[in-house]
C-alpha atoms as a PDB file:
ATOM      1  CA  MET A   1    -122.079  16.265 -42.769  1.00  0.00           C
ATOM      2  CA  ALA A   2    -118.347  16.975 -42.666  1.00  0.00           C
ATOM      3  CA  LYS A   3    -116.346  15.464 -39.846  1.00  0.00           C
ATOM      4  CA  ARG A   4    -115.645  18.016 -37.127  1.00  0.00           C
ATOM      5  CA  LEU A   5    -112.272  18.129 -35.430  1.00  0.00           C
ATOM      6  CA  SER A   6    -111.593  19.600 -32.065  1.00  0.00           C
ATOM      7  CA  LEU A   7    -109.165  22.484 -31.917  1.00  0.00           C
ATOM      8  CA  ARG A   8    -106.727  20.254 -30.047  1.00  0.00           C
ATOM      9  CA  GLU A   9    -106.829  17.555 -32.775  1.00  0.00           C
ATOM     10  CA  PHE A  10    -106.381  20.182 -35.455  1.00  0.00           C
ATOM     11  CA  GLN A  11    -103.367  21.723 -33.703  1.00  0.00           C
ATOM     12  CA  GLU A  12    -101.781  18.310 -33.055  1.00  0.00           C
ATOM     13  CA  ASP A  13    -102.204  17.377 -36.719  1.00  0.00           C
ATOM     14  CA  LEU A  14    -100.737  20.691 -37.836  1.00  0.00           C
ATOM     15  CA  VAL A  15     -97.739  20.333 -35.504  1.00  0.00           C
ATOM     16  CA  ARG A  16     -97.170  16.770 -36.771  1.00  0.00           C
ATOM     17  CA  ARG A  17     -97.318  17.908 -40.405  1.00  0.00           C
ATOM     18  CA  PHE A  18     -94.909  20.785 -39.812  1.00  0.00           C
ATOM     19  CA  ALA A  19     -92.516  18.461 -37.949  1.00  0.00           C
ATOM     20  CA  GLU A  20     -92.614  15.978 -40.832  1.00  0.00           C
ATOM     21  CA  ALA A  21     -91.960  18.759 -43.305  1.00  0.00           C
ATOM     22  CA  ARG A  22     -89.018  20.108 -41.332  1.00  0.00           C
ATOM     23  CA  SER A  23     -87.487  16.632 -40.953  1.00  0.00           C
ATOM     24  CA  GLY A  24     -87.141  16.121 -44.692  1.00  0.00           C
ATOM     25  CA  ASP A  25     -90.625  15.148 -45.765  1.00  0.00           C
ATOM     26  CA  ARG A  26     -91.218  15.939 -49.421  1.00  0.00           C
ATOM     27  CA  ARG A  27     -93.681  18.743 -48.634  1.00  0.00           C
ATOM     28  CA  ALA A  28     -91.227  21.441 -47.626  1.00  0.00           C
ATOM     29  CA  LEU A  29     -93.048  24.530 -48.923  1.00  0.00           C
ATOM     30  CA  LEU A  30     -95.982  26.475 -47.538  1.00  0.00           C
ATOM     31  CA  GLY A  31     -98.288  27.920 -50.168  1.00  0.00           C
ATOM     32  CA  VAL A  32    -100.172  31.155 -49.491  1.00  0.00           C
ATOM     33  CA  ARG A  33    -102.194  33.556 -51.571  1.00  0.00           C
ATOM     34  CA  ALA A  34    -101.737  37.311 -51.141  1.00  0.00           C
ATOM     35  CA  GLY A  35    -104.175  39.262 -53.251  1.00  0.00           C
ATOM     36  CA  ARG A  36    -103.798  37.932 -56.800  1.00  0.00           C
ATOM     37  CA  GLU A  37    -100.374  36.324 -56.293  1.00  0.00           C
ATOM     38  CA  ASN A  38     -99.485  32.816 -55.152  1.00  0.00           C
ATOM     39  CA  TRP A  39     -96.428  32.564 -52.927  1.00  0.00           C
ATOM     40  CA  LEU A  40     -94.290  29.656 -51.733  1.00  0.00           C
ATOM     41  CA  ILE A  41     -92.308  29.906 -48.517  1.00  0.00           C
ATOM     42  CA  ASP A  42     -89.731  27.403 -47.289  1.00  0.00           C
ATOM     43  CA  LEU A  43     -90.991  25.842 -44.095  1.00  0.00           C
ATOM     44  CA  THR A  44     -87.632  26.593 -42.498  1.00  0.00           C
ATOM     45  CA  ASP A  45     -88.369  30.301 -43.064  1.00  0.00           C
ATOM     46  CA  SER A  46     -92.042  30.186 -42.212  1.00  0.00           C
ATOM     47  CA  GLY A  47     -93.339  30.443 -38.728  1.00  0.00           C
ATOM     48  CA  GLU A  48     -96.692  29.983 -37.159  1.00  0.00           C
ATOM     49  CA  ILE A  49     -99.765  30.674 -39.258  1.00  0.00           C
ATOM     50  CA  LEU A  50    -102.853  31.843 -37.419  1.00  0.00           C
ATOM     51  CA  PRO A  51    -106.187  33.605 -37.827  1.00  0.00           C
ATOM     52  CA  VAL A  52    -105.752  37.358 -37.839  1.00  0.00           C
ATOM     53  CA  PRO A  53    -105.957  38.795 -34.315  1.00  0.00           C
ATOM     54  CA  PRO A  54    -107.108  42.378 -33.745  1.00  0.00           C
ATOM     55  CA  LEU A  55    -104.655  44.820 -35.313  1.00  0.00           C
ATOM     56  CA  ALA A  56    -103.674  48.096 -33.675  1.00  0.00           C
ATOM     57  CA  PRO A  57    -103.153  50.728 -36.372  1.00  0.00           C
ATOM     58  CA  VAL A  58     -99.969  52.804 -36.299  1.00  0.00           C
ATOM     59  CA  PRO A  59    -100.354  56.418 -37.474  1.00  0.00           C
ATOM     60  CA  LEU A  60     -98.141  57.935 -40.167  1.00  0.00           C
ATOM     61  CA  THR A  61     -97.242  54.618 -41.785  1.00  0.00           C
ATOM     62  CA  CYS A  62     -97.644  53.317 -45.336  1.00  0.00           C
ATOM     63  CA  ASP A  63    -100.988  51.745 -46.215  1.00  0.00           C
ATOM     64  CA  TRP A  64     -99.343  48.307 -46.527  1.00  0.00           C
ATOM     65  CA  PHE A  65     -98.187  48.455 -42.899  1.00  0.00           C
ATOM     66  CA  ARG A  66    -101.374  47.230 -41.226  1.00  0.00           C
ATOM     67  CA  GLY A  67    -100.294  47.812 -37.642  1.00  0.00           C
ATOM     68  CA  LEU A  68     -99.322  45.733 -34.642  1.00  0.00           C
ATOM     69  CA  ALA A  69    -100.687  42.381 -33.512  1.00  0.00           C
ATOM     70  CA  ASN A  70    -100.425  40.969 -30.020  1.00  0.00           C
ATOM     71  CA  VAL A  71     -99.680  37.247 -30.295  1.00  0.00           C
ATOM     72  CA  ARG A  72     -99.568  35.656 -26.845  1.00  0.00           C
ATOM     73  CA  GLY A  73     -98.068  38.779 -25.290  1.00  0.00           C
ATOM     74  CA  THR A  74     -95.536  39.534 -28.031  1.00  0.00           C
ATOM     75  CA  LEU A  75     -96.027  42.406 -30.477  1.00  0.00           C
ATOM     76  CA  PHE A  76     -95.544  41.730 -34.180  1.00  0.00           C
ATOM     77  CA  SER A  77     -95.484  44.304 -36.966  1.00  0.00           C
ATOM     78  CA  VAL A  78     -97.967  43.288 -39.659  1.00  0.00           C
ATOM     79  CA  VAL A  79     -97.344  43.864 -43.361  1.00  0.00           C
ATOM     80  CA  ASP A  80    -100.060  43.262 -45.935  1.00  0.00           C
ATOM     81  CA  LEU A  81     -98.096  41.300 -48.559  1.00  0.00           C
ATOM     82  CA  SER A  82    -100.566  42.103 -51.340  1.00  0.00           C
ATOM     83  CA  ALA A  83    -100.669  45.854 -50.630  1.00  0.00           C
ATOM     84  CA  PHE A  84     -96.860  45.904 -50.293  1.00  0.00           C
ATOM     85  CA  HIS A  85     -96.767  44.741 -53.939  1.00  0.00           C
ATOM     86  CA  GLN A  86     -99.308  47.399 -55.026  1.00  0.00           C
ATOM     87  CA  GLY A  87    -102.163  44.865 -54.995  1.00  0.00           C
ATOM     88  CA  SER A  88    -105.531  45.056 -53.293  1.00  0.00           C
ATOM     89  CA  PRO A  89    -105.406  45.219 -49.496  1.00  0.00           C
ATOM     90  CA  VAL A  90    -106.236  41.976 -47.715  1.00  0.00           C
ATOM     91  CA  ALA A  91    -109.316  42.094 -45.478  1.00  0.00           C
ATOM     92  CA  PRO A  92    -108.137  40.796 -42.079  1.00  0.00           C
ATOM     93  CA  ALA A  93    -111.089  38.436 -41.639  1.00  0.00           C
ATOM     94  CA  GLY A  94    -112.481  35.149 -42.920  1.00  0.00           C
ATOM     95  CA  PRO A  95    -109.832  33.036 -44.656  1.00  0.00           C
ATOM     96  CA  ALA A  96    -107.088  35.668 -44.192  1.00  0.00           C
ATOM     97  CA  ARG A  97    -104.129  34.499 -42.131  1.00  0.00           C
ATOM     98  CA  LEU A  98    -101.164  35.984 -40.338  1.00  0.00           C
ATOM     99  CA  LEU A  99     -97.845  34.270 -41.011  1.00  0.00           C
ATOM    100  CA  LEU A 100     -95.122  34.955 -38.454  1.00  0.00           C
ATOM    101  CA  VAL A 101     -92.092  35.016 -40.756  1.00  0.00           C
ATOM    102  CA  GLY A 102     -89.473  36.932 -38.823  1.00  0.00           C
ATOM    103  CA  LEU A 103     -88.981  34.908 -35.636  1.00  0.00           C
ATOM    104  CA  ARG A 104     -86.224  32.707 -37.020  1.00  0.00           C
ATOM    105  CA  HIS A 105     -84.406  35.833 -38.185  1.00  0.00           C
ATOM    106  CA  GLY A 106     -84.797  37.751 -34.925  1.00  0.00           C
ATOM    107  CA  VAL A 107     -87.521  40.074 -36.205  1.00  0.00           C
ATOM    108  CA  ASN A 108     -91.061  40.244 -34.830  1.00  0.00           C
ATOM    109  CA  CYS A 109     -92.681  40.552 -38.225  1.00  0.00           C
ATOM    110  CA  ALA A 110     -95.786  38.944 -39.691  1.00  0.00           C
ATOM    111  CA  ILE A 111     -97.240  39.041 -43.166  1.00  0.00           C
ATOM    112  CA  LEU A 112    -100.949  39.237 -43.795  1.00  0.00           C
ATOM    113  CA  VAL A 113    -102.095  36.905 -46.580  1.00  0.00           C
ATOM    114  CA  SER A 114    -105.492  36.295 -48.173  1.00  0.00           C
ATOM    115  CA  ARG A 115    -105.444  32.582 -47.357  1.00  0.00           C
ATOM    116  CA  ALA A 116    -103.209  29.607 -46.755  1.00  0.00           C
ATOM    117  CA  ALA A 117    -102.941  27.167 -49.665  1.00  0.00           C
ATOM    118  CA  GLY A 118    -101.382  24.281 -47.735  1.00  0.00           C
ATOM    119  CA  LEU A 119     -98.133  22.380 -47.801  1.00  0.00           C
ATOM    120  CA  ARG A 120     -96.557  21.806 -51.193  1.00  0.00           C
ATOM    121  CA  SER A 121     -93.696  19.819 -52.632  1.00  0.00           C
ATOM    122  CA  ALA A 122     -90.988  21.322 -54.802  1.00  0.00           C
ATOM    123  CA  ASP A 123     -91.626  18.383 -57.154  1.00  0.00           C
ATOM    124  CA  GLU A 124     -95.037  19.883 -58.005  1.00  0.00           C
ATOM    125  CA  PHE A 125     -93.457  22.879 -59.792  1.00  0.00           C
ATOM    126  CA  GLN A 126     -91.480  23.648 -62.911  1.00  0.00           C
ATOM    127  CA  PRO A 127     -89.328  26.769 -63.392  1.00  0.00           C
ATOM    128  CA  ASP A 128     -90.988  29.641 -65.258  1.00  0.00           C
ATOM    129  CA  ASP A 129     -88.294  31.236 -67.367  1.00  0.00           C
ATOM    130  CA  GLU A 130     -90.626  33.382 -69.466  1.00  0.00           C
ATOM    131  CA  SER A 131     -89.819  36.568 -67.576  1.00  0.00           C
ATOM    132  CA  ALA A 132     -87.753  37.748 -64.661  1.00  0.00           C
ATOM    133  CA  ASP A 133     -89.101  39.398 -61.547  1.00  0.00           C
ATOM    134  CA  GLU A 134     -87.516  42.691 -60.506  1.00  0.00           C
ATOM    135  CA  ARG A 135     -88.287  42.175 -56.823  1.00  0.00           C
ATOM    136  CA  PRO A 136     -85.098  40.940 -55.117  1.00  0.00           C
ATOM    137  CA  TRP A 137     -87.033  38.827 -52.593  1.00  0.00           C
ATOM    138  CA  VAL A 138     -88.585  36.723 -55.357  1.00  0.00           C
ATOM    139  CA  GLN A 139     -86.214  33.772 -55.341  1.00  0.00           C
ATOM    140  CA  ALA A 140     -87.888  31.930 -58.228  1.00  0.00           C
ATOM    141  CA  ARG A 141     -90.909  31.961 -60.514  1.00  0.00           C
ATOM    142  CA  LEU A 142     -92.555  28.540 -60.754  1.00  0.00           C
ATOM    143  CA  ARG A 143     -95.564  26.976 -62.465  1.00  0.00           C
ATOM    144  CA  ASP A 144     -97.729  24.179 -61.120  1.00  0.00           C
ATOM    145  CA  ALA A 145     -99.440  21.399 -63.111  1.00  0.00           C
ATOM    146  CA  ARG A 146    -102.412  23.726 -63.827  1.00  0.00           C
ATOM    147  CA  ASP A 147    -100.036  26.386 -65.188  1.00  0.00           C
ATOM    148  CA  HIS A 148    -100.606  28.740 -62.239  1.00  0.00           C
ATOM    149  CA  LEU A 149     -97.699  31.041 -61.448  1.00  0.00           C
ATOM    150  CA  TRP A 150     -96.131  30.785 -57.977  1.00  0.00           C
ATOM    151  CA  LEU A 151     -93.453  33.084 -56.572  1.00  0.00           C
ATOM    152  CA  LYS A 152     -90.928  31.678 -54.114  1.00  0.00           C
ATOM    153  CA  LEU A 153     -90.363  34.163 -51.307  1.00  0.00           C
ATOM    154  CA  ASP A 154     -86.835  34.745 -50.022  1.00  0.00           C
ATOM    155  CA  VAL A 155     -87.790  35.757 -46.472  1.00  0.00           C
ATOM    156  CA  PRO A 156     -84.348  37.007 -45.330  1.00  0.00           C
ATOM    157  CA  ARG A 157     -84.087  39.254 -48.401  1.00  0.00           C
ATOM    158  CA  LEU A 158     -87.581  40.630 -47.830  1.00  0.00           C
ATOM    159  CA  LEU A 159     -86.881  41.321 -44.159  1.00  0.00           C
ATOM    160  CA  ALA A 160     -83.631  43.115 -45.076  1.00  0.00           C
ATOM    161  CA  ASP A 161     -85.051  45.189 -47.917  1.00  0.00           C
ATOM    162  CA  ARG A 162     -84.836  48.940 -47.313  1.00  0.00           C
ATOM    163  CA  ARG A 163     -88.367  49.623 -48.574  1.00  0.00           C
ATOM    164  CA  PHE A 164     -89.822  46.853 -46.407  1.00  0.00           C
ATOM    165  CA  LEU A 165     -88.046  48.243 -43.343  1.00  0.00           C
ATOM    166  CA  GLN A 166     -89.188  51.814 -44.021  1.00  0.00           C
ATOM    167  CA  ALA A 167     -92.884  51.685 -43.170  1.00  0.00           C
ATOM    168  CA  GLY A 168     -93.135  55.331 -42.116  1.00  0.00           C
ATOM    169  CA  LEU A 169     -94.557  57.956 -44.444  1.00  0.00           C
ATOM    170  CA  ASP A 170     -92.028  60.364 -45.928  1.00  0.00           C
END
């Protein structure tokens, strides 16, 4: 039977791993999956990652704007990263996670992803120069050892993008 960890041990381990990553450890990227795409986010731009809390829908918004989440008394707007890129909507249950990406940039914004893929090292990837990506928040296209495509997310560019900021229906 698999070893069971208490929630406290799990959180302490996660905090330790994030601290190591932020202090120059070689694993400085967080990997997530959103729909059919793999994304890499610099740990300096990523925030807390947590199970999806109940979401309060907001009327007259785009389908990719999933609503508001209350995280310890603070409201965060929630964007489904897959649906924002015209992919399948992420079901906010099971392995799905909420990544609080805007705190460092003064924005209470979270992205909904299908699952977390763990901490990664930039050394694990090679540039993919086969084609360019038209999305300005895609900082780089990378391939791992198994030839899977990963997109490096430029969080400040995403948060500043006009389309991302305009969640209301026209």
